Amino acid sequence: MSHRMRRVDEVIRQVVAETVNTYISDPRVGFVTITDVRTSPDLSHSEVFVSVMGDPEAQAAAIEGLESAHGRIQAEIGRQMSMKRTPTLSFQLDETAASAERVEEILRGAEPEGGAQER
């Protein structure tokens, strides 16, 4: 990934996070953290990855809330960034934290009783 694309992704992430925190009053998106953005090389589409505190129902509701506000968020990206076109947005649940937790559980289960032993 080029330096320019990394910079575009980071600026979009910042604008989305600021917009969600400042302008979106939907209670479904109250506990959302924007964790990552991946934009296509032609700048036509950005996948926005989010972390949501709560159960799967709260996570699904947060994604729905973000999808319903995508027009406002996309307009803010267009206003703050000088790009020929504003990428369309899609929101995805970031599973990184859940995956890391599962790995930790597996590793804890693999330890011999009494913890790791020195050799």
PDB file of N, CA and C in Angstrom:
ATOM      1  N   MET A   1       0.849  -1.173   0.000  1.00  0.00           N
ATOM      2  CA  MET A   1       0.000   0.000   0.000  1.00  0.00           C
ATOM      3  C   MET A   1       0.897   1.239   0.000  1.00  0.00           C
ATOM      4  N   SER A   2       0.543   2.187  -0.838  1.00  0.00           N
ATOM      5  CA  SER A   2       1.356   3.391  -0.964  1.00  0.00           C
ATOM      6  C   SER A   2       1.152   4.326   0.230  1.00  0.00           C
ATOM      7  N   HIS A   3       2.094   5.218   0.380  1.00  0.00           N
ATOM      8  CA  HIS A   3       2.005   6.216   1.452  1.00  0.00           C
ATOM      9  C   HIS A   3       0.744   7.063   1.275  1.00  0.00           C
ATOM     10  N   ARG A   4       0.423   7.407   0.040  1.00  0.00           N
ATOM     11  CA  ARG A   4      -0.766   8.223  -0.222  1.00  0.00           C
ATOM     12  C   ARG A   4      -2.030   7.492   0.229  1.00  0.00           C
ATOM     13  N   MET A   5      -2.142   6.213  -0.087  1.00  0.00           N
ATOM     14  CA  MET A   5      -3.341   5.457   0.298  1.00  0.00           C
ATOM     15  C   MET A   5      -3.443   5.336   1.816  1.00  0.00           C
ATOM     16  N   ARG A   6      -2.313   5.118   2.484  1.00  0.00           N
ATOM     17  CA  ARG A   6      -2.340   5.059   3.953  1.00  0.00           C
ATOM     18  C   ARG A   6      -2.818   6.385   4.527  1.00  0.00           C
ATOM     19  N   ARG A   7      -2.361   7.473   3.937  1.00  0.00           N
ATOM     20  CA  ARG A   7      -2.764   8.806   4.399  1.00  0.00           C
ATOM     21  C   ARG A   7      -4.255   9.043   4.144  1.00  0.00           C
ATOM     22  N   VAL A   8      -4.752   8.670   2.977  1.00  0.00           N
ATOM     23  CA  VAL A   8      -6.179   8.801   2.664  1.00  0.00           C
ATOM     24  C   VAL A   8      -7.001   8.002   3.668  1.00  0.00           C
ATOM     25  N   ASP A   9      -6.596   6.754   3.919  1.00  0.00           N
ATOM     26  CA  ASP A   9      -7.317   5.913   4.882  1.00  0.00           C
ATOM     27  C   ASP A   9      -7.348   6.551   6.267  1.00  0.00           C
ATOM     28  N   GLU A  10      -6.229   7.097   6.700  1.00  0.00           N
ATOM     29  CA  GLU A  10      -6.154   7.694   8.035  1.00  0.00           C
ATOM     30  C   GLU A  10      -7.018   8.950   8.134  1.00  0.00           C
ATOM     31  N   VAL A  11      -6.996   9.775   7.106  1.00  0.00           N
ATOM     32  CA  VAL A  11      -7.820  10.988   7.131  1.00  0.00           C
ATOM     33  C   VAL A  11      -9.301  10.615   7.119  1.00  0.00           C
ATOM     34  N   ILE A  12      -9.684   9.649   6.303  1.00  0.00           N
ATOM     35  CA  ILE A  12     -11.080   9.206   6.286  1.00  0.00           C
ATOM     36  C   ILE A  12     -11.462   8.662   7.657  1.00  0.00           C
ATOM     37  N   ARG A  13     -10.580   7.873   8.277  1.00  0.00           N
ATOM     38  CA  ARG A  13     -10.872   7.332   9.607  1.00  0.00           C
ATOM     39  C   ARG A  13     -11.117   8.467  10.604  1.00  0.00           C
ATOM     40  N   GLN A  14     -10.263   9.484  10.567  1.00  0.00           N
ATOM     41  CA  GLN A  14     -10.416  10.613  11.486  1.00  0.00           C
ATOM     42  C   GLN A  14     -11.713  11.378  11.238  1.00  0.00           C
ATOM     43  N   VAL A  15     -12.038  11.617   9.975  1.00  0.00           N
ATOM     44  CA  VAL A  15     -13.258  12.361   9.648  1.00  0.00           C
ATOM     45  C   VAL A  15     -14.493  11.564  10.058  1.00  0.00           C
ATOM     46  N   VAL A  16     -14.493  10.261   9.786  1.00  0.00           N
ATOM     47  CA  VAL A  16     -15.640   9.425  10.170  1.00  0.00           C
ATOM     48  C   VAL A  16     -15.799   9.425  11.685  1.00  0.00           C
ATOM     49  N   ALA A  17     -14.707   9.237  12.416  1.00  0.00           N
ATOM     50  CA  ALA A  17     -14.780   9.213  13.883  1.00  0.00           C
ATOM     51  C   ALA A  17     -15.295  10.543  14.423  1.00  0.00           C
ATOM     52  N   GLU A  18     -14.767  11.637  13.909  1.00  0.00           N
ATOM     53  CA  GLU A  18     -15.197  12.963  14.364  1.00  0.00           C
ATOM     54  C   GLU A  18     -16.675  13.199  14.041  1.00  0.00           C
ATOM     55  N   THR A  19     -17.091  12.801  12.856  1.00  0.00           N
ATOM     56  CA  THR A  19     -18.482  12.997  12.441  1.00  0.00           C
ATOM     57  C   THR A  19     -19.427  12.176  13.300  1.00  0.00           C
ATOM     58  N   VAL A  20     -19.079  10.921  13.550  1.00  0.00           N
ATOM     59  CA  VAL A  20     -19.930  10.062  14.383  1.00  0.00           C
ATOM     60  C   VAL A  20     -20.043  10.645  15.786  1.00  0.00           C
ATOM     61  N   ASN A  21     -18.934  11.090  16.337  1.00  0.00           N
ATOM     62  CA  ASN A  21     -18.941  11.620  17.705  1.00  0.00           C
ATOM     63  C   ASN A  21     -19.611  12.981  17.822  1.00  0.00           C
ATOM     64  N   THR A  22     -19.548  13.787  16.765  1.00  0.00           N
ATOM     65  CA  THR A  22     -20.030  15.162  16.840  1.00  0.00           C
ATOM     66  C   THR A  22     -21.439  15.350  16.287  1.00  0.00           C
ATOM     67  N   TYR A  23     -21.732  14.737  15.156  1.00  0.00           N
ATOM     68  CA  TYR A  23     -22.962  15.058  14.440  1.00  0.00           C
ATOM     69  C   TYR A  23     -24.036  13.971  14.455  1.00  0.00           C
ATOM     70  N   ILE A  24     -23.672  12.748  14.748  1.00  0.00           N
ATOM     71  CA  ILE A  24     -24.648  11.656  14.683  1.00  0.00           C
ATOM     72  C   ILE A  24     -25.231  11.450  16.076  1.00  0.00           C
ATOM     73  N   SER A  25     -26.532  11.663  16.195  1.00  0.00           N
ATOM     74  CA  SER A  25     -27.178  11.552  17.512  1.00  0.00           C
ATOM     75  C   SER A  25     -27.930  10.239  17.685  1.00  0.00           C
ATOM     76  N   ASP A  26     -27.802   9.329  16.744  1.00  0.00           N
ATOM     77  CA  ASP A  26     -28.474   8.031  16.819  1.00  0.00           C
ATOM     78  C   ASP A  26     -27.925   7.252  18.010  1.00  0.00           C
ATOM     79  N   PRO A  27     -28.771   6.863  18.963  1.00  0.00           N
ATOM     80  CA  PRO A  27     -28.274   6.150  20.144  1.00  0.00           C
ATOM     81  C   PRO A  27     -27.651   4.790  19.825  1.00  0.00           C
ATOM     82  N   ARG A  28     -27.942   4.241  18.658  1.00  0.00           N
ATOM     83  CA  ARG A  28     -27.367   2.941  18.294  1.00  0.00           C
ATOM     84  C   ARG A  28     -25.860   3.025  18.081  1.00  0.00           C
ATOM     85  N   VAL A  29     -25.346   4.209  17.796  1.00  0.00           N
ATOM     86  CA  VAL A  29     -23.911   4.347  17.520  1.00  0.00           C
ATOM     87  C   VAL A  29     -23.160   4.981  18.686  1.00  0.00           C
ATOM     88  N   GLY A  30     -23.727   4.887  19.869  1.00  0.00           N
ATOM     89  CA  GLY A  30     -23.128   5.512  21.040  1.00  0.00           C
ATOM     90  C   GLY A  30     -21.799   4.919  21.476  1.00  0.00           C
ATOM     91  N   PHE A  31     -21.606   3.624  21.301  1.00  0.00           N
ATOM     92  CA  PHE A  31     -20.382   2.969  21.780  1.00  0.00           C
ATOM     93  C   PHE A  31     -19.579   2.401  20.616  1.00  0.00           C
ATOM     94  N   VAL A  32     -19.374   3.220  19.600  1.00  0.00           N
ATOM     95  CA  VAL A  32     -18.669   2.805  18.390  1.00  0.00           C
ATOM     96  C   VAL A  32     -17.287   3.442  18.360  1.00  0.00           C
ATOM     97  N   THR A  33     -16.288   2.642  18.012  1.00  0.00           N
ATOM     98  CA  THR A  33     -14.934   3.144  17.782  1.00  0.00           C
ATOM     99  C   THR A  33     -14.545   2.796  16.354  1.00  0.00           C
ATOM    100  N   ILE A  34     -14.086   3.767  15.606  1.00  0.00           N
ATOM    101  CA  ILE A  34     -13.634   3.536  14.234  1.00  0.00           C
ATOM    102  C   ILE A  34     -12.192   3.040  14.327  1.00  0.00           C
ATOM    103  N   THR A  35     -11.961   1.788  13.928  1.00  0.00           N
ATOM    104  CA  THR A  35     -10.646   1.183  14.122  1.00  0.00           C
ATOM    105  C   THR A  35      -9.757   1.213  12.887  1.00  0.00           C
ATOM    106  N   ASP A  36     -10.357   1.157  11.702  1.00  0.00           N
ATOM    107  CA  ASP A  36      -9.539   1.085  10.492  1.00  0.00           C
ATOM    108  C   ASP A  36     -10.389   1.473   9.291  1.00  0.00           C
ATOM    109  N   VAL A  37      -9.730   1.899   8.229  1.00  0.00           N
ATOM    110  CA  VAL A  37     -10.386   2.177   6.954  1.00  0.00           C
ATOM    111  C   VAL A  37      -9.501   1.606   5.863  1.00  0.00           C
ATOM    112  N   ARG A  38     -10.131   0.971   4.885  1.00  0.00           N
ATOM    113  CA  ARG A  38      -9.402   0.470   3.716  1.00  0.00           C
ATOM    114  C   ARG A  38     -10.118   0.977   2.471  1.00  0.00           C
ATOM    115  N   THR A  39      -9.422   1.783   1.708  1.00  0.00           N
ATOM    116  CA  THR A  39      -9.991   2.412   0.523  1.00  0.00           C
ATOM    117  C   THR A  39      -9.447   1.734  -0.727  1.00  0.00           C
ATOM    118  N   SER A  40     -10.321   1.542  -1.706  1.00  0.00           N
ATOM    119  CA  SER A  40      -9.900   0.925  -2.965  1.00  0.00           C
ATOM    120  C   SER A  40      -8.911   1.850  -3.682  1.00  0.00           C
ATOM    121  N   PRO A  41      -8.020   1.271  -4.493  1.00  0.00           N
ATOM    122  CA  PRO A  41      -7.004   2.087  -5.177  1.00  0.00           C
ATOM    123  C   PRO A  41      -7.588   3.196  -6.058  1.00  0.00           C
ATOM    124  N   ASP A  42      -8.790   2.981  -6.601  1.00  0.00           N
ATOM    125  CA  ASP A  42      -9.404   4.019  -7.436  1.00  0.00           C
ATOM    126  C   ASP A  42     -10.219   5.021  -6.619  1.00  0.00           C
ATOM    127  N   LEU A  43     -10.171   4.895  -5.283  1.00  0.00           N
ATOM    128  CA  LEU A  43     -10.839   5.808  -4.344  1.00  0.00           C
ATOM    129  C   LEU A  43     -12.362   5.806  -4.468  1.00  0.00           C
ATOM    130  N   SER A  44     -12.923   4.734  -5.034  1.00  0.00           N
ATOM    131  CA  SER A  44     -14.370   4.693  -5.220  1.00  0.00           C
ATOM    132  C   SER A  44     -15.105   4.118  -4.016  1.00  0.00           C
ATOM    133  N   HIS A  45     -14.408   3.363  -3.176  1.00  0.00           N
ATOM    134  CA  HIS A  45     -15.073   2.691  -2.062  1.00  0.00           C
ATOM    135  C   HIS A  45     -14.137   2.615  -0.853  1.00  0.00           C
ATOM    136  N   SER A  46     -14.708   2.827   0.328  1.00  0.00           N
ATOM    137  CA  SER A  46     -13.952   2.666   1.577  1.00  0.00           C
ATOM    138  C   SER A  46     -14.711   1.736   2.504  1.00  0.00           C
ATOM    139  N   GLU A  47     -14.011   0.734   3.000  1.00  0.00           N
ATOM    140  CA  GLU A  47     -14.562  -0.122   4.044  1.00  0.00           C
ATOM    141  C   GLU A  47     -14.133   0.474   5.376  1.00  0.00           C
ATOM    142  N   VAL A  48     -15.103   0.751   6.230  1.00  0.00           N
ATOM    143  CA  VAL A  48     -14.835   1.345   7.533  1.00  0.00           C
ATOM    144  C   VAL A  48     -15.047   0.257   8.575  1.00  0.00           C
ATOM    145  N   PHE A  49     -13.999  -0.063   9.321  1.00  0.00           N
ATOM    146  CA  PHE A  49     -14.078  -1.105  10.338  1.00  0.00           C
ATOM    147  C   PHE A  49     -14.337  -0.463  11.688  1.00  0.00           C
ATOM    148  N   VAL A  50     -15.301  -1.031  12.415  1.00  0.00           N
ATOM    149  CA  VAL A  50     -15.709  -0.460  13.691  1.00  0.00           C
ATOM    150  C   VAL A  50     -15.684  -1.520  14.778  1.00  0.00           C
ATOM    151  N   SER A  51     -15.389  -1.067  15.973  1.00  0.00           N
ATOM    152  CA  SER A  51     -15.475  -1.895  17.169  1.00  0.00           C
ATOM    153  C   SER A  51     -16.658  -1.371  17.967  1.00  0.00           C
ATOM    154  N   VAL A  52     -17.506  -2.288  18.439  1.00  0.00           N
ATOM    155  CA  VAL A  52     -18.714  -1.894  19.153  1.00  0.00           C
ATOM    156  C   VAL A  52     -18.768  -2.650  20.467  1.00  0.00           C
ATOM    157  N   MET A  53     -18.925  -1.907  21.558  1.00  0.00           N
ATOM    158  CA  MET A  53     -19.097  -2.548  22.857  1.00  0.00           C
ATOM    159  C   MET A  53     -20.517  -3.079  22.937  1.00  0.00           C
ATOM    160  N   GLY A  54     -20.661  -4.293  23.461  1.00  0.00           N
ATOM    161  CA  GLY A  54     -21.993  -4.843  23.645  1.00  0.00           C
ATOM    162  C   GLY A  54     -22.143  -6.204  23.003  1.00  0.00           C
ATOM    163  N   ASP A  55     -23.346  -6.725  23.131  1.00  0.00           N
ATOM    164  CA  ASP A  55     -23.654  -8.047  22.599  1.00  0.00           C
ATOM    165  C   ASP A  55     -23.859  -7.970  21.082  1.00  0.00           C
ATOM    166  N   PRO A  56     -24.030  -9.123  20.435  1.00  0.00           N
ATOM    167  CA  PRO A  56     -24.209  -9.119  18.979  1.00  0.00           C
ATOM    168  C   PRO A  56     -25.391  -8.269  18.501  1.00  0.00           C
ATOM    169  N   GLU A  57     -26.456  -8.190  19.295  1.00  0.00           N
ATOM    170  CA  GLU A  57     -27.593  -7.344  18.911  1.00  0.00           C
ATOM    171  C   GLU A  57     -27.185  -5.874  18.876  1.00  0.00           C
ATOM    172  N   ALA A  58     -26.439  -5.433  19.885  1.00  0.00           N
ATOM    173  CA  ALA A  58     -25.970  -4.042  19.930  1.00  0.00           C
ATOM    174  C   ALA A  58     -25.012  -3.767  18.776  1.00  0.00           C
ATOM    175  N   GLN A  59     -24.189  -4.748  18.441  1.00  0.00           N
ATOM    176  CA  GLN A  59     -23.252  -4.583  17.340  1.00  0.00           C
ATOM    177  C   GLN A  59     -23.994  -4.437  16.014  1.00  0.00           C
ATOM    178  N   ALA A  60     -25.000  -5.286  15.797  1.00  0.00           N
ATOM    179  CA  ALA A  60     -25.790  -5.205  14.565  1.00  0.00           C
ATOM    180  C   ALA A  60     -26.538  -3.876  14.488  1.00  0.00           C
ATOM    181  N   ALA A  61     -27.083  -3.434  15.616  1.00  0.00           N
ATOM    182  CA  ALA A  61     -27.805  -2.159  15.653  1.00  0.00           C
ATOM    183  C   ALA A  61     -26.867  -0.996  15.344  1.00  0.00           C
ATOM    184  N   ALA A  62     -25.641  -1.059  15.845  1.00  0.00           N
ATOM    185  CA  ALA A  62     -24.672   0.009  15.583  1.00  0.00           C
ATOM    186  C   ALA A  62     -24.329   0.077  14.099  1.00  0.00           C
ATOM    187  N   ILE A  63     -24.137  -1.074  13.475  1.00  0.00           N
ATOM    188  CA  ILE A  63     -23.849  -1.102  12.037  1.00  0.00           C
ATOM    189  C   ILE A  63     -25.028  -0.510  11.264  1.00  0.00           C
ATOM    190  N   GLU A  64     -26.259  -0.879  11.655  1.00  0.00           N
ATOM    191  CA  GLU A  64     -27.452  -0.322  11.004  1.00  0.00           C
ATOM    192  C   GLU A  64     -27.504   1.200  11.175  1.00  0.00           C
ATOM    193  N   GLY A  65     -27.187   1.676  12.373  1.00  0.00           N
ATOM    194  CA  GLY A  65     -27.181   3.112  12.626  1.00  0.00           C
ATOM    195  C   GLY A  65     -26.157   3.836  11.772  1.00  0.00           C
ATOM    196  N   LEU A  66     -24.978   3.243  11.631  1.00  0.00           N
ATOM    197  CA  LEU A  66     -23.944   3.849  10.791  1.00  0.00           C
ATOM    198  C   LEU A  66     -24.363   3.847   9.323  1.00  0.00           C
ATOM    199  N   GLU A  67     -24.951   2.736   8.877  1.00  0.00           N
ATOM    200  CA  GLU A  67     -25.418   2.663   7.490  1.00  0.00           C
ATOM    201  C   GLU A  67     -26.479   3.725   7.221  1.00  0.00           C
ATOM    202  N   SER A  68     -27.364   3.947   8.196  1.00  0.00           N
ATOM    203  CA  SER A  68     -28.417   4.949   7.985  1.00  0.00           C
ATOM    204  C   SER A  68     -27.852   6.370   7.978  1.00  0.00           C
ATOM    205  N   ALA A  69     -26.698   6.571   8.589  1.00  0.00           N
ATOM    206  CA  ALA A  69     -26.074   7.899   8.634  1.00  0.00           C
ATOM    207  C   ALA A  69     -24.966   8.059   7.592  1.00  0.00           C
ATOM    208  N   HIS A  70     -24.802   7.068   6.720  1.00  0.00           N
ATOM    209  CA  HIS A  70     -23.662   7.117   5.802  1.00  0.00           C
ATOM    210  C   HIS A  70     -23.693   8.334   4.888  1.00  0.00           C
ATOM    211  N   GLY A  71     -24.870   8.825   4.519  1.00  0.00           N
ATOM    212  CA  GLY A  71     -24.951  10.013   3.667  1.00  0.00           C
ATOM    213  C   GLY A  71     -24.341  11.233   4.336  1.00  0.00           C
ATOM    214  N   ARG A  72     -24.663  11.426   5.598  1.00  0.00           N
ATOM    215  CA  ARG A  72     -24.115  12.556   6.373  1.00  0.00           C
ATOM    216  C   ARG A  72     -22.605  12.409   6.537  1.00  0.00           C
ATOM    217  N   ILE A  73     -22.176  11.176   6.823  1.00  0.00           N
ATOM    218  CA  ILE A  73     -20.744  10.913   7.015  1.00  0.00           C
ATOM    219  C   ILE A  73     -19.990  11.135   5.706  1.00  0.00           C
ATOM    220  N   GLN A  74     -20.541  10.616   4.607  1.00  0.00           N
ATOM    221  CA  GLN A  74     -19.894  10.766   3.302  1.00  0.00           C
ATOM    222  C   GLN A  74     -19.833  12.241   2.894  1.00  0.00           C
ATOM    223  N   ALA A  75     -20.885  12.993   3.176  1.00  0.00           N
ATOM    224  CA  ALA A  75     -20.885  14.427   2.864  1.00  0.00           C
ATOM    225  C   ALA A  75     -19.792  15.156   3.641  1.00  0.00           C
ATOM    226  N   GLU A  76     -19.589  14.764   4.890  1.00  0.00           N
ATOM    227  CA  GLU A  76     -18.548  15.394   5.708  1.00  0.00           C
ATOM    228  C   GLU A  76     -17.159  15.052   5.175  1.00  0.00           C
ATOM    229  N   ILE A  77     -16.974  13.823   4.697  1.00  0.00           N
ATOM    230  CA  ILE A  77     -15.697  13.454   4.076  1.00  0.00           C
ATOM    231  C   ILE A  77     -15.458  14.340   2.857  1.00  0.00           C
ATOM    232  N   GLY A  78     -16.484  14.499   2.026  1.00  0.00           N
ATOM    233  CA  GLY A  78     -16.358  15.343   0.839  1.00  0.00           C
ATOM    234  C   GLY A  78     -16.050  16.789   1.184  1.00  0.00           C
ATOM    235  N   ARG A  79     -16.632  17.281   2.271  1.00  0.00           N
ATOM    236  CA  ARG A  79     -16.413  18.664   2.684  1.00  0.00           C
ATOM    237  C   ARG A  79     -14.990  18.881   3.195  1.00  0.00           C
ATOM    238  N   GLN A  80     -14.456  17.899   3.929  1.00  0.00           N
ATOM    239  CA  GLN A  80     -13.150  18.086   4.566  1.00  0.00           C
ATOM    240  C   GLN A  80     -11.961  17.648   3.717  1.00  0.00           C
ATOM    241  N   MET A  81     -12.211  16.845   2.700  1.00  0.00           N
ATOM    242  CA  MET A  81     -11.107  16.348   1.873  1.00  0.00           C
ATOM    243  C   MET A  81     -11.260  16.892   0.455  1.00  0.00           C
ATOM    244  N   SER A  82     -10.176  17.295  -0.131  1.00  0.00           N
ATOM    245  CA  SER A  82     -10.235  17.780  -1.517  1.00  0.00           C
ATOM    246  C   SER A  82      -9.882  16.620  -2.448  1.00  0.00           C
ATOM    247  N   MET A  83     -10.908  15.867  -2.785  1.00  0.00           N
ATOM    248  CA  MET A  83     -10.743  14.715  -3.670  1.00  0.00           C
ATOM    249  C   MET A  83     -11.697  14.883  -4.848  1.00  0.00           C
ATOM    250  N   LYS A  84     -11.314  14.284  -5.981  1.00  0.00           N
ATOM    251  CA  LYS A  84     -12.166  14.353  -7.160  1.00  0.00           C
ATOM    252  C   LYS A  84     -13.523  13.710  -6.880  1.00  0.00           C
ATOM    253  N   ARG A  85     -13.495  12.591  -6.209  1.00  0.00           N
ATOM    254  CA  ARG A  85     -14.729  11.901  -5.834  1.00  0.00           C
ATOM    255  C   ARG A  85     -14.624  11.442  -4.392  1.00  0.00           C
ATOM    256  N   THR A  86     -15.767  11.367  -3.747  1.00  0.00           N
ATOM    257  CA  THR A  86     -15.814  10.885  -2.370  1.00  0.00           C
ATOM    258  C   THR A  86     -16.142   9.400  -2.411  1.00  0.00           C
ATOM    259  N   PRO A  87     -15.361   8.563  -1.746  1.00  0.00           N
ATOM    260  CA  PRO A  87     -15.646   7.129  -1.801  1.00  0.00           C
ATOM    261  C   PRO A  87     -16.969   6.785  -1.120  1.00  0.00           C
ATOM    262  N   THR A  88     -17.655   5.787  -1.677  1.00  0.00           N
ATOM    263  CA  THR A  88     -18.831   5.264  -0.994  1.00  0.00           C
ATOM    264  C   THR A  88     -18.346   4.497   0.226  1.00  0.00           C
ATOM    265  N   LEU A  89     -19.163   4.438   1.247  1.00  0.00           N
ATOM    266  CA  LEU A  89     -18.764   3.821   2.508  1.00  0.00           C
ATOM    267  C   LEU A  89     -19.547   2.547   2.767  1.00  0.00           C
ATOM    268  N   SER A  90     -18.871   1.574   3.333  1.00  0.00           N
ATOM    269  CA  SER A  90     -19.554   0.415   3.909  1.00  0.00           C
ATOM    270  C   SER A  90     -18.926   0.181   5.278  1.00  0.00           C
ATOM    271  N   PHE A  91     -19.738  -0.272   6.199  1.00  0.00           N
ATOM    272  CA  PHE A  91     -19.289  -0.445   7.577  1.00  0.00           C
ATOM    273  C   PHE A  91     -19.226  -1.927   7.907  1.00  0.00           C
ATOM    274  N   GLN A  92     -18.103  -2.329   8.490  1.00  0.00           N
ATOM    275  CA  GLN A  92     -17.866  -3.726   8.852  1.00  0.00           C
ATOM    276  C   GLN A  92     -17.481  -3.804  10.319  1.00  0.00           C
ATOM    277  N   LEU A  93     -17.940  -4.841  10.969  1.00  0.00           N
ATOM    278  CA  LEU A  93     -17.557  -5.070  12.355  1.00  0.00           C
ATOM    279  C   LEU A  93     -16.112  -5.554  12.383  1.00  0.00           C
ATOM    280  N   ASP A  94     -15.275  -4.925  13.181  1.00  0.00           N
ATOM    281  CA  ASP A  94     -13.870  -5.314  13.320  1.00  0.00           C
ATOM    282  C   ASP A  94     -13.795  -6.465  14.312  1.00  0.00           C
ATOM    283  N   GLU A  95     -13.411  -7.614  13.833  1.00  0.00           N
ATOM    284  CA  GLU A  95     -13.362  -8.823  14.657  1.00  0.00           C
ATOM    285  C   GLU A  95     -11.998  -9.035  15.302  1.00  0.00           C
ATOM    286  N   THR A  96     -11.077  -8.094  15.158  1.00  0.00           N
ATOM    287  CA  THR A  96      -9.716  -8.266  15.657  1.00  0.00           C
ATOM    288  C   THR A  96      -9.674  -8.528  17.156  1.00  0.00           C
ATOM    289  N   ALA A  97     -10.390  -7.732  17.937  1.00  0.00           N
ATOM    290  CA  ALA A  97     -10.364  -7.895  19.394  1.00  0.00           C
ATOM    291  C   ALA A  97     -10.954  -9.238  19.803  1.00  0.00           C
ATOM    292  N   ALA A  98     -12.047  -9.635  19.172  1.00  0.00           N
ATOM    293  CA  ALA A  98     -12.671 -10.919  19.499  1.00  0.00           C
ATOM    294  C   ALA A  98     -11.746 -12.071  19.119  1.00  0.00           C
ATOM    295  N   SER A  99     -11.070 -11.956  17.976  1.00  0.00           N
ATOM    296  CA  SER A  99     -10.133 -13.000  17.555  1.00  0.00           C
ATOM    297  C   SER A  99      -8.959 -13.099  18.520  1.00  0.00           C
ATOM    298  N   ALA A 100      -8.438 -11.968  18.948  1.00  0.00           N
ATOM    299  CA  ALA A 100      -7.321 -11.969  19.895  1.00  0.00           C
ATOM    300  C   ALA A 100      -7.739 -12.601  21.217  1.00  0.00           C
ATOM    301  N   GLU A 101      -8.955 -12.309  21.639  1.00  0.00           N
ATOM    302  CA  GLU A 101      -9.450 -12.891  22.888  1.00  0.00           C
ATOM    303  C   GLU A 101      -9.573 -14.408  22.766  1.00  0.00           C
ATOM    304  N   ARG A 102     -10.055 -14.889  21.620  1.00  0.00           N
ATOM    305  CA  ARG A 102     -10.164 -16.342  21.409  1.00  0.00           C
ATOM    306  C   ARG A 102      -8.786 -16.997  21.426  1.00  0.00           C
ATOM    307  N   VAL A 103      -7.800 -16.355  20.809  1.00  0.00           N
ATOM    308  CA  VAL A 103      -6.435 -16.895  20.810  1.00  0.00           C
ATOM    309  C   VAL A 103      -5.901 -16.957  22.235  1.00  0.00           C
ATOM    310  N   GLU A 104      -6.137 -15.895  23.013  1.00  0.00           N
ATOM    311  CA  GLU A 104      -5.705 -15.876  24.417  1.00  0.00           C
ATOM    312  C   GLU A 104      -6.331 -17.034  25.193  1.00  0.00           C
ATOM    313  N   GLU A 105      -7.621 -17.273  24.980  1.00  0.00           N
ATOM    314  CA  GLU A 105      -8.302 -18.369  25.675  1.00  0.00           C
ATOM    315  C   GLU A 105      -7.692 -19.711  25.294  1.00  0.00           C
ATOM    316  N   ILE A 106      -7.407 -19.887  24.018  1.00  0.00           N
ATOM    317  CA  ILE A 106      -6.806 -21.138  23.555  1.00  0.00           C
ATOM    318  C   ILE A 106      -5.434 -21.322  24.182  1.00  0.00           C
ATOM    319  N   LEU A 107      -4.640 -20.251  24.203  1.00  0.00           N
ATOM    320  CA  LEU A 107      -3.302 -20.342  24.783  1.00  0.00           C
ATOM    321  C   LEU A 107      -3.359 -20.626  26.281  1.00  0.00           C
ATOM    322  N   ARG A 108      -4.309 -20.002  26.975  1.00  0.00           N
ATOM    323  CA  ARG A 108      -4.452 -20.275  28.410  1.00  0.00           C
ATOM    324  C   ARG A 108      -4.841 -21.732  28.642  1.00  0.00           C
ATOM    325  N   GLY A 109      -5.672 -22.268  27.772  1.00  0.00           N
ATOM    326  CA  GLY A 109      -6.089 -23.659  27.901  1.00  0.00           C
ATOM    327  C   GLY A 109      -4.970 -24.634  27.579  1.00  0.00           C
ATOM    328  N   ALA A 110      -3.980 -24.201  26.804  1.00  0.00           N
ATOM    329  CA  ALA A 110      -2.875 -25.072  26.418  1.00  0.00           C
ATOM    330  C   ALA A 110      -1.760 -25.109  27.454  1.00  0.00           C
ATOM    331  N   GLU A 111      -1.778 -24.189  28.424  1.00  0.00           N
ATOM    332  CA  GLU A 111      -0.731 -24.171  29.448  1.00  0.00           C
ATOM    333  C   GLU A 111      -0.868 -25.389  30.350  1.00  0.00           C
ATOM    334  N   PRO A 112       0.253 -25.984  30.744  1.00  0.00           N
ATOM    335  CA  PRO A 112       0.173 -27.078  31.707  1.00  0.00           C
ATOM    336  C   PRO A 112      -0.302 -26.543  33.056  1.00  0.00           C
ATOM    337  N   GLU A 113      -0.889 -27.405  33.843  1.00  0.00           N
ATOM    338  CA  GLU A 113      -1.386 -26.982  35.161  1.00  0.00           C
ATOM    339  C   GLU A 113      -0.244 -26.381  35.956  1.00  0.00           C
ATOM    340  N   GLY A 114      -0.547 -25.308  36.669  1.00  0.00           N
ATOM    341  CA  GLY A 114       0.468 -24.634  37.464  1.00  0.00           C
ATOM    342  C   GLY A 114       1.225 -23.590  36.674  1.00  0.00           C
ATOM    343  N   GLY A 115       0.787 -23.325  35.426  1.00  0.00           N
ATOM    344  CA  GLY A 115       1.443 -22.291  34.626  1.00  0.00           C
ATOM    345  C   GLY A 115       2.628 -22.854  33.876  1.00  0.00           C
ATOM    346  N   ALA A 116       3.325 -22.006  33.203  1.00  0.00           N
ATOM    347  CA  ALA A 116       4.494 -22.409  32.429  1.00  0.00           C
ATOM    348  C   ALA A 116       5.623 -22.794  33.374  1.00  0.00           C
ATOM    349  N   GLN A 117       6.311 -23.861  33.029  1.00  0.00           N
ATOM    350  CA  GLN A 117       7.416 -24.317  33.867  1.00  0.00           C
ATOM    351  C   GLN A 117       8.734 -23.913  33.229  1.00  0.00           C
ATOM    352  N   GLU A 118       9.698 -23.562  34.076  1.00  0.00           N
ATOM    353  CA  GLU A 118      11.022 -23.211  33.576  1.00  0.00           C
ATOM    354  C   GLU A 118      11.799 -24.480  33.301  1.00  0.00           C
ATOM    355  N   ARG A 119      12.710 -24.409  32.366  1.00  0.00           N
ATOM    356  CA  ARG A 119      13.543 -25.569  32.029  1.00  0.00           C
ATOM    357  C   ARG A 119      14.911 -25.389  32.562  1.00  0.00           C
TER     358      ARG A 119
END
